[in-house]
Amino acid sequence: MINRLLYAGMLRTLLFTSPLLAQLSPGPLAQAHEHLSGLTNCLTCHTWGSKDLTPKCLDCHTPIKARLELKQGFHGLMDDPECQTCHTDHVKREFNMIHWEPSQADFDHFETGYELKGKHGDLSCENCHTPELILAEDVIAYAISQKSSEVLNKTFLGLGTNCENCHADVHRAEFKDQTCQDCHNEENWLDVRTSFDHDLRTEFTLRGAHDMLECEKCHSVKQESVGEFQVPRFSGLKYELCTDCHEDEHKGSFGNNCLKCHTERSFKIADQTGAFNHTATGYPLIGKHLQVECETCHTSEGRFTDSASYDECIDCHQDYHKGVFNQSNRDKSCDACHSMRGFIPALFGVMEHAKTKFPIDGAHLAQPCVFCHVKNDKAIYRWEPLNCEACHTTTHGTQFARYRLNNLWCESCHLTSAWESLVFDHNTTFFPLSGKHNEIKCEACHTTESNIVQYEDTDTSCLSCHTDVHSNQFPEKDCDACHTSRSWKIEPFNHLLNTDFPLDGQHNDLSCGQCHKFDADLKTIRFKPLAHACQDCHSFGDFKR
């Protein structure tokens, strides 16, 4: 009674005191609560002595209250929920009363008890939260009871969690005793084509070629369209006999048990483990012959009753070698080199090749047979003459032609392990390599003329490679009198043996440059002729020559 009197007194005061009214009402209510505006309605939402609005909120928002009691949905799964934590009012008419943390786009839907997976995670809220998809009766009843007609357009409550609540049943109740998740996932609706276990889930195990077929190949009857979708019918197929799906090519001649001769690997390949045994025909099928279609050998009208010739391979196969091996002094059978496991690779290997006139080794071992045995798109198995040039083009021209011995001469320098690996000994020439010459590449001395590197008749004089830095002071060009191939730097020079001016006394202590100086005319150091009278270098007072 006292609270009512106080409230009435406050109300009279507020009616005449606008500053106090502003303090008690921080702002206009949002549009959804607009009908509760006015000081006489404050206690509809507020409780004297408490800041918690939740009890009064739930008195009105009954669908939320029901979910809190059942501990379902976003609100029901919260710990100690308080409405004002996420919902505020008294801001302005157009204010959105839902506070999203961090934002509506980043909302974690897992907190509602329904995690968005796969394609669902790519959808916006508006794709699912529409009035048409709201199924909960209490939410629909609540929306009807409200003055505002916008409840169903704004609420996030009331959606179903089953696939059929949002998606049309394109199978038209064909799988009414199953759930969509039994076959489909939320990543890709069509993944079922590869994930469905036909062996476990049906009475028809897919084996052999059946396992490679598209679903529509057998499930060819279509359901009636559901909107823009139309799918095959998956139940009710006949599959007891092969002829339920396949035409009997033999017109009943061999009965209706196709598995007597055929397998599901391929209808065109007979089953060698079943009742039909090709060995009984006198010609057992081995290797590649097992994969050959029957019609390849059985070509006539009565192809399964008439006998075929099979004494020799050429009864069926063309002689790829054009009679090269059809000689009286050798075995003519193909199985000397080939087997029925496959024409390629041939059984003729390294050991067999070693018995020929051309044993293979080194890099030749890595080459496929066709690299040597095919020329101008034709098979070739004989060479005359049998030498390197039969396959390889010489890069040396004719400069080594005089060294041929029994048509072999490349082997003098090259190895079959690698063309650039040389065994040439330069000491066998007129110019043995020594010192620094051993460190330089062949091309440094052997130059190219007309695209051919010249090795024969190479000039071996020093000046053929080196520049005369002495300006022709030594026309006899006897460089090794002073220099060696070990180093261009002059080693200890014997002035006694090599000049007309032997060094003795204090001359022995002089450096070369004290006597041999730069000559401007020669543009280099002068070594000879050099004046060597005493007075040419020494001064003797007033003595004059």
Protein backbone atom coordinates (compact mmCIF):
# COMPACT_ATOMS: atom_id res chain seq x y z
CA MET A 1 0.00 0.00 0.00
CA ILE A 2 2.84 2.35 0.89
CA ASN A 3 4.60 1.57 -2.48
CA ARG A 4 1.46 2.47 -4.39
CA LEU A 5 1.11 5.76 -2.53
CA LEU A 6 4.75 6.59 -3.19
CA TYR A 7 4.38 5.77 -6.84
CA ALA A 8 1.26 7.94 -7.13
CA GLY A 9 3.07 10.79 -5.39
CA MET A 10 6.05 10.48 -7.71
CA LEU A 11 3.78 10.47 -10.70
CA ARG A 12 2.08 13.72 -9.63
CA THR A 13 5.48 15.29 -9.10
CA LEU A 14 6.78 14.19 -12.51
CA LEU A 15 3.79 15.63 -14.27
CA PHE A 16 4.81 19.08 -13.10
CA THR A 17 8.60 18.68 -13.04
CA SER A 18 10.02 18.05 -16.56
CA PRO A 19 13.75 17.93 -15.50
CA LEU A 20 12.95 15.07 -13.15
CA LEU A 21 11.00 13.36 -15.94
CA ALA A 22 14.10 13.43 -18.14
CA GLN A 23 16.12 11.85 -15.37
CA LEU A 24 13.68 8.95 -14.91
CA SER A 25 13.20 8.29 -18.65
CA PRO A 26 16.60 8.23 -20.46
CA GLY A 27 15.02 8.17 -23.90
CA PRO A 28 12.14 6.98 -26.07
CA LEU A 29 11.40 3.27 -26.30
CA ALA A 30 12.26 1.28 -29.45
CA GLN A 31 9.50 0.73 -31.96
CA ALA A 32 8.80 -2.82 -30.70
CA HIS A 33 8.07 -1.43 -27.17
CA GLU A 34 6.44 1.78 -28.37
CA HIS A 35 3.07 0.67 -27.01
CA LEU A 36 4.58 0.66 -23.48
CA SER A 37 5.53 4.36 -23.61
CA GLY A 38 4.37 6.55 -20.77
CA LEU A 39 5.22 6.79 -17.07
CA THR A 40 2.23 4.73 -16.07
CA ASN A 41 3.73 1.71 -17.86
CA CYS A 42 7.20 1.75 -16.26
CA LEU A 43 6.43 -1.07 -13.84
CA THR A 44 5.35 -3.23 -16.75
CA CYS A 45 9.04 -3.88 -17.35
CA HIS A 46 10.80 -2.50 -14.22
CA THR A 47 10.58 -3.81 -10.65
CA TRP A 48 10.94 -1.62 -7.58
CA GLY A 49 14.26 -2.21 -5.87
CA SER A 50 15.79 -4.39 -8.65
CA LYS A 51 17.83 -3.69 -11.78
CA ASP A 52 17.17 -7.14 -13.22
CA LEU A 53 14.54 -6.85 -15.96
CA THR A 54 14.62 -10.55 -16.85
CA PRO A 55 11.54 -11.72 -14.89
CA LYS A 56 9.30 -9.06 -16.40
CA CYS A 57 10.78 -9.65 -19.89
CA LEU A 58 9.95 -13.36 -19.69
CA ASP A 59 6.40 -12.61 -18.59
CA CYS A 60 5.90 -11.11 -22.05
CA HIS A 61 8.39 -13.02 -24.20
CA THR A 62 7.01 -16.48 -23.47
CA PRO A 63 8.81 -18.36 -26.32
CA ILE A 64 12.13 -17.33 -24.75
CA LYS A 65 10.92 -18.41 -21.31
CA ALA A 66 9.92 -21.81 -22.66
CA ARG A 67 13.38 -22.38 -24.17
CA LEU A 68 15.10 -21.32 -20.96
CA GLU A 69 13.08 -23.87 -19.03
CA LEU A 70 13.87 -26.61 -21.57
CA LYS A 71 17.54 -25.48 -21.81
CA GLN A 72 17.25 -25.36 -25.59
CA GLY A 73 18.49 -22.91 -28.19
CA PHE A 74 20.81 -19.98 -27.69
CA HIS A 75 19.04 -18.59 -24.59
CA GLY A 76 18.50 -21.98 -22.98
CA LEU A 77 22.19 -22.88 -23.23
CA MET A 78 23.40 -19.64 -21.58
CA ASP A 79 24.70 -19.57 -18.00
CA ASP A 80 22.59 -17.22 -15.79
CA PRO A 81 21.11 -15.21 -18.69
CA GLU A 82 20.03 -11.61 -18.10
CA CYS A 83 18.06 -9.95 -20.85
CA GLN A 84 19.67 -6.51 -20.47
CA THR A 85 23.10 -7.99 -21.19
CA CYS A 86 22.24 -8.18 -24.91
CA HIS A 87 19.03 -6.11 -25.14
CA THR A 88 18.74 -2.43 -24.22
CA ASP A 89 16.08 0.20 -24.78
CA HIS A 90 15.32 3.88 -24.17
CA VAL A 91 17.69 4.97 -26.95
CA LYS A 92 15.51 5.93 -29.92
CA ARG A 93 12.57 4.68 -31.93
CA GLU A 94 14.68 3.09 -34.69
CA PHE A 95 17.15 1.47 -32.25
CA ASN A 96 17.98 -2.22 -32.82
CA MET A 97 17.49 -3.81 -29.41
CA ILE A 98 19.77 -6.79 -30.14
CA HIS A 99 23.42 -6.29 -29.18
CA TRP A 100 25.63 -8.65 -31.21
CA GLU A 101 29.07 -9.53 -29.89
CA PRO A 102 31.29 -9.01 -31.81
CA SER A 103 28.79 -8.57 -34.70
CA GLN A 104 25.89 -10.39 -36.29
CA ALA A 105 28.10 -11.54 -39.19
CA ASP A 106 30.65 -13.01 -36.73
CA PHE A 107 28.11 -14.67 -34.47
CA ASP A 108 29.11 -18.22 -33.46
CA HIS A 109 26.04 -20.27 -34.37
CA PHE A 110 27.41 -23.21 -32.36
CA GLU A 111 26.13 -21.41 -29.25
CA THR A 112 22.56 -22.00 -30.43
CA GLY A 113 23.01 -25.77 -30.28
CA TYR A 114 22.95 -26.01 -34.10
CA GLU A 115 26.44 -25.72 -35.59
CA LEU A 116 26.66 -24.43 -39.15
CA LYS A 117 28.78 -26.81 -41.20
CA GLY A 118 29.80 -27.04 -44.85
CA LYS A 119 27.68 -24.95 -47.20
CA HIS A 120 25.52 -23.74 -44.29
CA GLY A 121 28.49 -21.77 -43.05
CA ASP A 122 28.51 -19.71 -46.26
CA LEU A 123 24.88 -18.55 -45.90
CA SER A 124 23.75 -15.24 -44.48
CA CYS A 125 21.25 -15.18 -41.61
CA GLU A 126 18.45 -14.02 -43.91
CA ASN A 127 18.78 -17.15 -46.08
CA CYS A 128 17.32 -19.33 -43.32
CA HIS A 129 15.63 -17.00 -40.83
CA THR A 130 12.53 -16.14 -42.87
CA PRO A 131 8.87 -16.24 -41.81
CA GLU A 132 8.16 -19.08 -44.25
CA LEU A 133 10.58 -21.43 -42.44
CA ILE A 134 9.33 -20.78 -38.87
CA LEU A 135 7.63 -23.97 -37.64
CA ALA A 136 7.48 -23.65 -33.82
CA GLU A 137 3.81 -23.27 -32.81
CA ASP A 138 4.56 -21.18 -29.71
CA VAL A 139 6.53 -18.66 -31.79
CA ILE A 140 3.76 -18.42 -34.38
CA ALA A 141 1.12 -18.02 -31.62
CA TYR A 142 3.21 -15.33 -29.93
CA ALA A 143 3.56 -13.44 -33.22
CA ILE A 144 -0.23 -13.51 -33.74
CA SER A 145 -0.83 -12.19 -30.21
CA GLN A 146 1.37 -9.14 -30.71
CA LYS A 147 0.14 -5.84 -32.02
CA SER A 148 3.14 -5.58 -34.32
CA SER A 149 3.06 -7.67 -37.51
CA GLU A 150 6.84 -7.61 -37.75
CA VAL A 151 7.57 -10.35 -35.19
CA LEU A 152 8.06 -13.19 -37.69
CA ASN A 153 10.26 -10.97 -39.87
CA LYS A 154 12.57 -10.13 -36.97
CA THR A 155 12.70 -13.18 -34.73
CA PHE A 156 15.46 -15.81 -34.90
CA LEU A 157 13.34 -18.40 -33.08
CA GLY A 158 11.22 -21.24 -34.37
CA LEU A 159 13.27 -22.83 -37.17
CA GLY A 160 13.38 -26.61 -37.50
CA THR A 161 16.70 -28.46 -37.50
CA ASN A 162 15.81 -31.27 -39.90
CA CYS A 163 16.84 -31.12 -43.58
CA GLU A 164 13.25 -31.34 -44.81
CA ASN A 165 12.33 -28.26 -42.75
CA CYS A 166 14.25 -26.16 -45.30
CA HIS A 167 14.88 -28.43 -48.28
CA ALA A 168 12.36 -30.06 -50.61
CA ASP A 169 12.32 -33.87 -50.67
CA VAL A 170 13.43 -34.46 -54.25
CA HIS A 171 13.20 -38.23 -53.67
CA ARG A 172 9.42 -37.96 -53.02
CA ALA A 173 9.43 -40.03 -49.82
CA GLU A 174 11.39 -42.88 -51.46
CA PHE A 175 13.66 -42.86 -48.38
CA LYS A 176 11.08 -41.94 -45.73
CA ASP A 177 12.59 -44.40 -43.24
CA GLN A 178 16.04 -42.80 -43.54
CA THR A 179 17.56 -39.42 -42.83
CA CYS A 180 19.23 -37.23 -45.40
CA GLN A 181 22.53 -37.54 -43.50
CA ASP A 182 22.56 -41.28 -44.20
CA CYS A 183 23.66 -40.44 -47.74
CA HIS A 184 24.43 -36.73 -47.99
CA ASN A 185 26.71 -34.27 -46.20
CA GLU A 186 26.66 -30.53 -45.75
CA GLU A 187 29.77 -29.91 -47.85
CA ASN A 188 28.47 -31.06 -51.21
CA TRP A 189 25.07 -32.60 -51.84
CA LEU A 190 26.52 -34.70 -54.71
CA ASP A 191 29.38 -36.26 -52.72
CA VAL A 192 27.06 -39.22 -52.28
CA ARG A 193 28.09 -40.35 -55.78
CA THR A 194 31.51 -41.36 -54.43
CA SER A 195 30.81 -41.85 -50.71
CA PHE A 196 27.77 -44.12 -50.92
CA ASP A 197 28.67 -47.71 -50.01
CA HIS A 198 26.61 -49.68 -52.51
CA ASP A 199 27.97 -53.00 -51.23
CA LEU A 200 26.93 -52.39 -47.62
CA ARG A 201 23.75 -50.39 -48.13
CA THR A 202 22.09 -52.43 -50.91
CA GLU A 203 21.58 -56.05 -51.90
CA PHE A 204 23.57 -55.62 -55.13
CA THR A 205 27.33 -55.52 -54.64
CA LEU A 206 29.17 -53.51 -57.31
CA ARG A 207 32.07 -55.49 -58.74
CA GLY A 208 34.37 -55.04 -61.70
CA ALA A 209 33.01 -52.80 -64.44
CA HIS A 210 29.81 -52.16 -62.47
CA ASP A 211 31.86 -50.24 -59.92
CA MET A 212 32.99 -47.75 -62.60
CA LEU A 213 29.52 -46.82 -63.86
CA GLU A 214 27.72 -43.55 -63.23
CA CYS A 215 24.61 -43.94 -61.06
CA GLU A 216 22.29 -42.95 -63.93
CA LYS A 217 23.60 -45.81 -66.09
CA CYS A 218 21.50 -48.27 -64.03
CA HIS A 219 19.13 -45.86 -62.28
CA SER A 220 17.74 -44.50 -65.51
CA VAL A 221 14.10 -43.97 -64.42
CA LYS A 222 13.53 -40.44 -63.11
CA GLN A 223 11.35 -39.25 -60.26
CA GLU A 224 8.81 -36.51 -60.99
CA SER A 225 10.40 -33.09 -60.79
CA VAL A 226 10.33 -31.15 -57.55
CA GLY A 227 10.71 -27.55 -58.60
CA GLU A 228 13.85 -27.30 -60.69
CA PHE A 229 15.21 -30.62 -59.38
CA GLN A 230 14.74 -34.08 -60.83
CA VAL A 231 16.63 -37.13 -59.57
CA PRO A 232 16.70 -40.83 -60.48
CA ARG A 233 14.61 -43.45 -58.74
CA PHE A 234 16.89 -45.67 -56.69
CA SER A 235 14.66 -48.49 -55.50
CA GLY A 236 12.65 -51.17 -57.26
CA LEU A 237 15.24 -52.23 -59.88
CA LYS A 238 15.41 -55.83 -61.15
CA TYR A 239 18.90 -57.28 -60.92
CA GLU A 240 18.56 -61.04 -60.43
CA LEU A 241 19.74 -61.85 -63.99
CA CYS A 242 22.36 -60.19 -66.17
CA THR A 243 19.75 -59.95 -68.92
CA ASP A 244 17.67 -57.65 -66.69
CA CYS A 245 20.09 -54.94 -67.81
CA HIS A 246 22.20 -56.45 -70.62
CA GLU A 247 21.20 -57.74 -74.04
CA ASP A 248 21.98 -61.42 -74.65
CA GLU A 249 24.32 -61.33 -77.63
CA HIS A 250 24.17 -65.12 -77.88
CA LYS A 251 20.37 -65.13 -78.20
CA GLY A 252 19.97 -67.75 -75.48
CA SER A 253 22.41 -70.23 -77.07
CA PHE A 254 24.35 -70.60 -73.82
CA GLY A 255 21.45 -70.33 -71.36
CA ASN A 256 20.81 -67.41 -69.01
CA ASN A 257 23.76 -67.90 -66.64
CA CYS A 258 26.23 -65.46 -68.15
CA LEU A 259 28.70 -66.07 -65.33
CA LYS A 260 29.48 -69.47 -66.79
CA CYS A 261 31.76 -67.70 -69.26
CA HIS A 262 31.92 -64.04 -68.28
CA THR A 263 32.89 -61.95 -65.27
CA GLU A 264 31.82 -58.56 -64.05
CA ARG A 265 35.29 -57.18 -64.79
CA SER A 266 34.26 -56.98 -68.43
CA PHE A 267 31.46 -58.68 -70.24
CA LYS A 268 33.75 -59.09 -73.25
CA ILE A 269 36.40 -61.09 -71.35
CA ALA A 270 35.71 -64.72 -70.58
CA ASP A 271 36.13 -65.96 -67.03
CA GLN A 272 39.06 -68.38 -66.91
CA THR A 273 38.21 -69.43 -63.36
CA GLY A 274 34.55 -70.22 -64.07
CA ALA A 275 32.82 -73.06 -65.86
CA PHE A 276 34.18 -72.02 -69.27
CA ASN A 277 37.81 -73.08 -69.62
CA HIS A 278 39.64 -71.91 -72.73
CA THR A 279 42.39 -74.44 -72.02
CA ALA A 280 39.95 -77.13 -73.13
CA THR A 281 40.09 -75.65 -76.65
CA GLY A 282 43.76 -76.59 -76.95
CA TYR A 283 44.93 -73.01 -76.65
CA PRO A 284 45.14 -71.71 -73.06
CA LEU A 285 44.90 -67.95 -72.74
CA ILE A 286 47.96 -66.50 -71.02
CA GLY A 287 49.23 -62.96 -70.35
CA LYS A 288 47.88 -60.30 -72.70
CA HIS A 289 45.69 -62.86 -74.47
CA LEU A 290 43.49 -62.85 -71.38
CA GLN A 291 42.61 -59.22 -72.06
CA VAL A 292 41.84 -59.61 -75.77
CA GLU A 293 38.21 -59.40 -76.84
CA CYS A 294 36.85 -62.69 -78.10
CA GLU A 295 35.91 -61.14 -81.47
CA THR A 296 39.56 -60.28 -82.14
CA CYS A 297 40.34 -63.95 -82.71
CA HIS A 298 36.86 -65.35 -83.29
CA THR A 299 35.98 -63.31 -86.36
CA SER A 300 33.66 -65.57 -88.40
CA GLU A 301 29.90 -65.99 -88.13
CA GLY A 302 30.33 -69.16 -86.11
CA ARG A 303 33.20 -67.60 -84.24
CA PHE A 304 32.66 -69.56 -81.03
CA THR A 305 32.37 -72.96 -82.68
CA ASP A 306 34.83 -72.78 -85.58
CA SER A 307 38.46 -73.49 -84.69
CA ALA A 308 41.11 -70.81 -85.22
CA SER A 309 44.71 -71.25 -86.38
CA TYR A 310 47.20 -70.64 -83.60
CA ASP A 311 50.29 -72.73 -84.45
CA GLU A 312 52.50 -69.66 -84.93
CA CYS A 313 52.33 -66.09 -83.71
CA ILE A 314 52.11 -64.75 -87.27
CA ASP A 315 48.78 -66.57 -87.68
CA CYS A 316 47.34 -63.62 -85.77
CA HIS A 317 50.14 -61.06 -85.46
CA GLN A 318 51.90 -59.10 -88.17
CA ASP A 319 55.67 -59.63 -88.42
CA TYR A 320 56.90 -56.30 -87.17
CA HIS A 321 60.47 -57.22 -88.11
CA LYS A 322 59.63 -57.75 -91.80
CA GLY A 323 61.36 -61.17 -91.95
CA VAL A 324 64.76 -59.95 -90.68
CA PHE A 325 64.95 -62.85 -88.24
CA ASN A 326 63.40 -65.39 -90.59
CA GLN A 327 66.67 -67.17 -91.34
CA SER A 328 67.45 -70.85 -91.70
CA ASN A 329 70.34 -70.75 -89.23
CA ARG A 330 68.35 -69.37 -86.29
CA ASP A 331 65.24 -70.02 -84.19
CA LYS A 332 62.27 -68.42 -85.94
CA SER A 333 59.96 -68.43 -82.92
CA CYS A 334 58.92 -65.07 -81.52
CA ASP A 335 59.23 -66.23 -77.92
CA ALA A 336 63.03 -66.04 -78.20
CA CYS A 337 62.60 -62.31 -77.56
CA HIS A 338 58.94 -61.78 -76.65
CA SER A 339 56.41 -63.27 -74.26
CA MET A 340 52.65 -63.28 -74.04
CA ARG A 341 52.88 -60.95 -71.05
CA GLY A 342 53.52 -58.19 -73.58
CA PHE A 343 55.32 -57.50 -76.85
CA ILE A 344 57.25 -54.76 -75.04
CA PRO A 345 59.64 -54.89 -73.28
CA ALA A 346 61.48 -57.56 -75.22
CA LEU A 347 63.18 -60.42 -73.41
CA PHE A 348 66.33 -59.67 -75.40
CA GLY A 349 68.44 -57.95 -72.76
CA VAL A 350 72.02 -56.97 -72.01
CA MET A 351 73.28 -60.53 -71.70
CA GLU A 352 71.75 -61.49 -75.03
CA HIS A 353 73.13 -58.34 -76.66
CA ALA A 354 76.60 -59.27 -75.39
CA LYS A 355 76.51 -62.28 -77.71
CA THR A 356 76.09 -60.04 -80.77
CA LYS A 357 78.73 -58.10 -82.66
CA PHE A 358 77.85 -55.03 -80.61
CA PRO A 359 77.84 -55.60 -76.83
CA ILE A 360 76.26 -52.61 -75.10
CA ASP A 361 77.73 -50.87 -72.06
CA GLY A 362 78.02 -47.42 -70.50
CA ALA A 363 75.41 -44.86 -71.59
CA HIS A 364 74.10 -47.30 -74.18
CA LEU A 365 72.61 -49.32 -71.33
CA ALA A 366 70.23 -46.46 -70.48
CA GLN A 367 68.81 -46.12 -73.99
CA PRO A 368 65.47 -47.70 -74.92
CA CYS A 369 65.75 -50.18 -77.78
CA VAL A 370 63.85 -47.88 -80.16
CA PHE A 371 66.56 -45.23 -79.90
CA CYS A 372 68.85 -47.43 -81.94
CA HIS A 373 66.49 -49.83 -83.63
CA VAL A 374 64.24 -47.25 -85.33
CA LYS A 375 65.52 -45.14 -88.18
CA ASN A 376 63.37 -42.91 -90.40
CA ASP A 377 60.29 -44.39 -88.66
CA LYS A 378 61.34 -47.88 -89.73
CA ALA A 379 62.66 -50.73 -87.61
CA ILE A 380 66.30 -51.55 -88.22
CA TYR A 381 68.31 -54.40 -86.74
CA ARG A 382 71.39 -54.58 -89.00
CA TRP A 383 74.07 -51.97 -89.70
CA GLU A 384 76.81 -51.94 -92.31
CA PRO A 385 79.37 -50.84 -91.27
CA LEU A 386 78.84 -51.32 -87.52
CA ASN A 387 80.58 -48.29 -86.03
CA CYS A 388 79.84 -45.16 -84.02
CA GLU A 389 78.95 -43.14 -87.11
CA ALA A 390 76.08 -45.51 -87.85
CA CYS A 391 74.17 -43.69 -85.07
CA HIS A 392 76.26 -40.66 -84.15
CA THR A 393 77.29 -37.68 -86.27
CA THR A 394 81.01 -36.86 -86.09
CA THR A 395 81.87 -33.34 -85.00
CA HIS A 396 85.47 -33.64 -86.16
CA GLY A 397 85.02 -33.66 -89.91
CA THR A 398 87.63 -35.79 -91.69
CA GLN A 399 90.69 -34.75 -89.71
CA PHE A 400 90.98 -38.15 -87.98
CA ALA A 401 90.07 -40.31 -90.98
CA ARG A 402 93.68 -41.48 -91.38
CA TYR A 403 93.61 -43.07 -87.95
CA ARG A 404 90.76 -45.48 -88.68
CA LEU A 405 91.49 -49.05 -87.79
CA ASN A 406 88.88 -51.66 -88.73
CA ASN A 407 86.31 -48.82 -88.89
CA LEU A 408 86.93 -48.02 -85.22
CA TRP A 409 88.50 -44.75 -84.20
CA CYS A 410 86.14 -42.84 -81.84
CA GLU A 411 87.15 -45.27 -79.07
CA SER A 412 90.65 -43.82 -79.17
CA CYS A 413 89.45 -40.80 -77.21
CA HIS A 414 85.82 -41.33 -76.11
CA LEU A 415 84.10 -43.69 -73.68
CA THR A 416 80.57 -45.07 -73.93
CA SER A 417 79.97 -44.06 -70.31
CA ALA A 418 79.90 -40.38 -71.36
CA TRP A 419 80.82 -38.73 -74.65
CA GLU A 420 82.70 -35.94 -72.89
CA SER A 421 84.76 -38.33 -70.76
CA LEU A 422 88.01 -38.53 -72.74
CA VAL A 423 90.83 -41.03 -72.44
CA PHE A 424 93.19 -39.15 -74.78
CA ASP A 425 96.84 -39.02 -73.69
CA HIS A 426 98.42 -35.79 -74.95
CA ASN A 427 101.85 -37.24 -74.28
CA THR A 428 101.42 -39.36 -77.40
CA THR A 429 101.51 -36.18 -79.51
CA PHE A 430 104.37 -33.91 -80.51
CA PHE A 431 103.35 -31.53 -77.74
CA PRO A 432 103.20 -33.22 -74.31
CA LEU A 433 101.29 -31.12 -71.78
CA SER A 434 103.16 -29.95 -68.70
CA GLY A 435 102.81 -27.31 -66.02
CA LYS A 436 99.99 -24.81 -66.54
CA HIS A 437 99.12 -26.38 -69.89
CA ASN A 438 97.59 -29.28 -67.97
CA GLU A 439 95.08 -26.92 -66.34
CA ILE A 440 93.57 -25.25 -69.40
CA LYS A 441 90.67 -26.52 -71.49
CA CYS A 442 91.23 -28.05 -74.92
CA GLU A 443 89.40 -25.16 -76.62
CA ALA A 444 92.04 -22.69 -75.42
CA CYS A 445 94.53 -24.08 -77.94
CA HIS A 446 92.32 -25.98 -80.38
CA THR A 447 90.32 -23.34 -82.21
CA THR A 448 87.18 -23.73 -84.29
CA GLU A 449 87.18 -23.34 -88.05
CA SER A 450 84.04 -23.87 -90.14
CA ASN A 451 82.22 -25.09 -86.99
CA ILE A 452 84.81 -27.84 -86.49
CA VAL A 453 87.32 -27.82 -83.64
CA GLN A 454 90.78 -28.34 -85.12
CA TYR A 455 92.97 -30.92 -83.39
CA GLU A 456 95.24 -32.08 -86.20
CA ASP A 457 98.22 -29.97 -87.40
CA THR A 458 97.91 -27.52 -84.53
CA ASP A 459 100.78 -24.98 -84.37
CA THR A 460 102.76 -25.83 -81.22
CA SER A 461 104.94 -22.71 -81.09
CA CYS A 462 104.53 -20.43 -78.06
CA LEU A 463 103.56 -17.44 -80.20
CA SER A 464 100.67 -19.36 -81.76
CA CYS A 465 98.88 -18.92 -78.43
CA HIS A 466 100.87 -16.29 -76.52
CA THR A 467 101.56 -12.63 -77.39
CA ASP A 468 105.23 -11.60 -77.86
CA VAL A 469 105.59 -9.08 -75.04
CA HIS A 470 109.28 -8.51 -75.91
CA SER A 471 108.65 -6.68 -79.21
CA ASN A 472 110.66 -9.20 -81.26
CA GLN A 473 113.89 -8.83 -79.22
CA PHE A 474 114.21 -12.61 -79.42
CA PRO A 475 113.55 -13.45 -83.09
CA GLU A 476 114.73 -17.00 -82.54
CA LYS A 477 111.54 -17.37 -80.41
CA ASP A 478 113.26 -19.71 -77.99
CA CYS A 479 110.90 -18.87 -75.08
CA ASP A 480 111.88 -21.83 -72.93
CA ALA A 481 115.37 -20.32 -72.51
CA CYS A 482 113.81 -18.08 -69.87
CA HIS A 483 110.26 -19.33 -69.25
CA THR A 484 108.70 -22.67 -68.31
CA SER A 485 105.17 -24.00 -68.60
CA ARG A 486 104.99 -24.15 -64.80
CA SER A 487 104.87 -20.36 -64.49
CA TRP A 488 105.27 -17.36 -66.77
CA LYS A 489 107.47 -15.80 -64.12
CA ILE A 490 111.17 -16.20 -65.04
CA GLU A 491 112.89 -18.76 -62.94
CA PRO A 492 116.61 -18.16 -61.93
CA PHE A 493 118.25 -17.02 -65.18
CA ASN A 494 121.78 -18.22 -66.01
CA HIS A 495 123.41 -15.00 -67.19
CA LEU A 496 126.70 -16.79 -67.75
CA LEU A 497 125.40 -19.40 -70.18
CA ASN A 498 122.76 -17.40 -71.97
CA THR A 499 124.40 -13.97 -72.48
CA ASP A 500 127.72 -12.38 -73.42
CA PHE A 501 127.84 -10.58 -70.10
CA PRO A 502 128.45 -12.94 -67.18
CA LEU A 503 127.45 -11.51 -63.80
CA ASP A 504 130.12 -11.49 -61.11
CA GLY A 505 131.06 -9.45 -58.11
CA GLN A 506 128.58 -6.79 -57.14
CA HIS A 507 126.69 -7.34 -60.38
CA ASN A 508 125.33 -10.52 -58.86
CA ASP A 509 123.53 -8.45 -56.22
CA LEU A 510 121.67 -6.26 -58.70
CA SER A 511 118.02 -6.76 -59.63
CA CYS A 512 117.22 -7.25 -63.34
CA GLY A 513 115.47 -3.89 -63.50
CA GLN A 514 118.59 -1.94 -62.57
CA CYS A 515 120.13 -2.74 -65.96
CA HIS A 516 117.14 -3.76 -68.06
CA LYS A 517 114.94 -0.70 -68.13
CA PHE A 518 111.80 0.31 -70.01
CA ASP A 519 112.52 1.38 -73.58
CA ALA A 520 110.06 3.91 -74.99
CA ASP A 521 110.78 2.86 -78.57
CA LEU A 522 110.12 -0.80 -77.82
CA LYS A 523 107.28 0.03 -75.43
CA THR A 524 108.59 -2.70 -73.17
CA ILE A 525 111.69 -3.60 -71.15
CA ARG A 526 114.85 -3.87 -73.21
CA PHE A 527 116.82 -7.07 -72.82
CA LYS A 528 118.89 -7.04 -76.03
CA PRO A 529 120.92 -5.59 -77.54
CA LEU A 530 122.17 -3.82 -74.42
CA ALA A 531 125.40 -1.82 -74.17
CA HIS A 532 127.52 -3.35 -71.44
CA ALA A 533 130.77 -1.40 -71.27
CA CYS A 534 131.48 -0.10 -67.78
CA GLN A 535 131.05 3.52 -68.74
CA ASP A 536 127.65 2.69 -70.28
CA CYS A 537 126.36 2.34 -66.76
CA HIS A 538 128.99 3.94 -64.50
CA SER A 539 130.36 7.51 -64.30
CA PHE A 540 134.16 8.05 -63.71
CA GLY A 541 134.40 11.75 -62.89
CA ASP A 542 135.54 13.84 -65.89
CA PHE A 543 136.44 10.79 -67.93
CA LYS A 544 135.04 10.99 -71.38
CA ARG A 545 135.04 8.42 -74.08
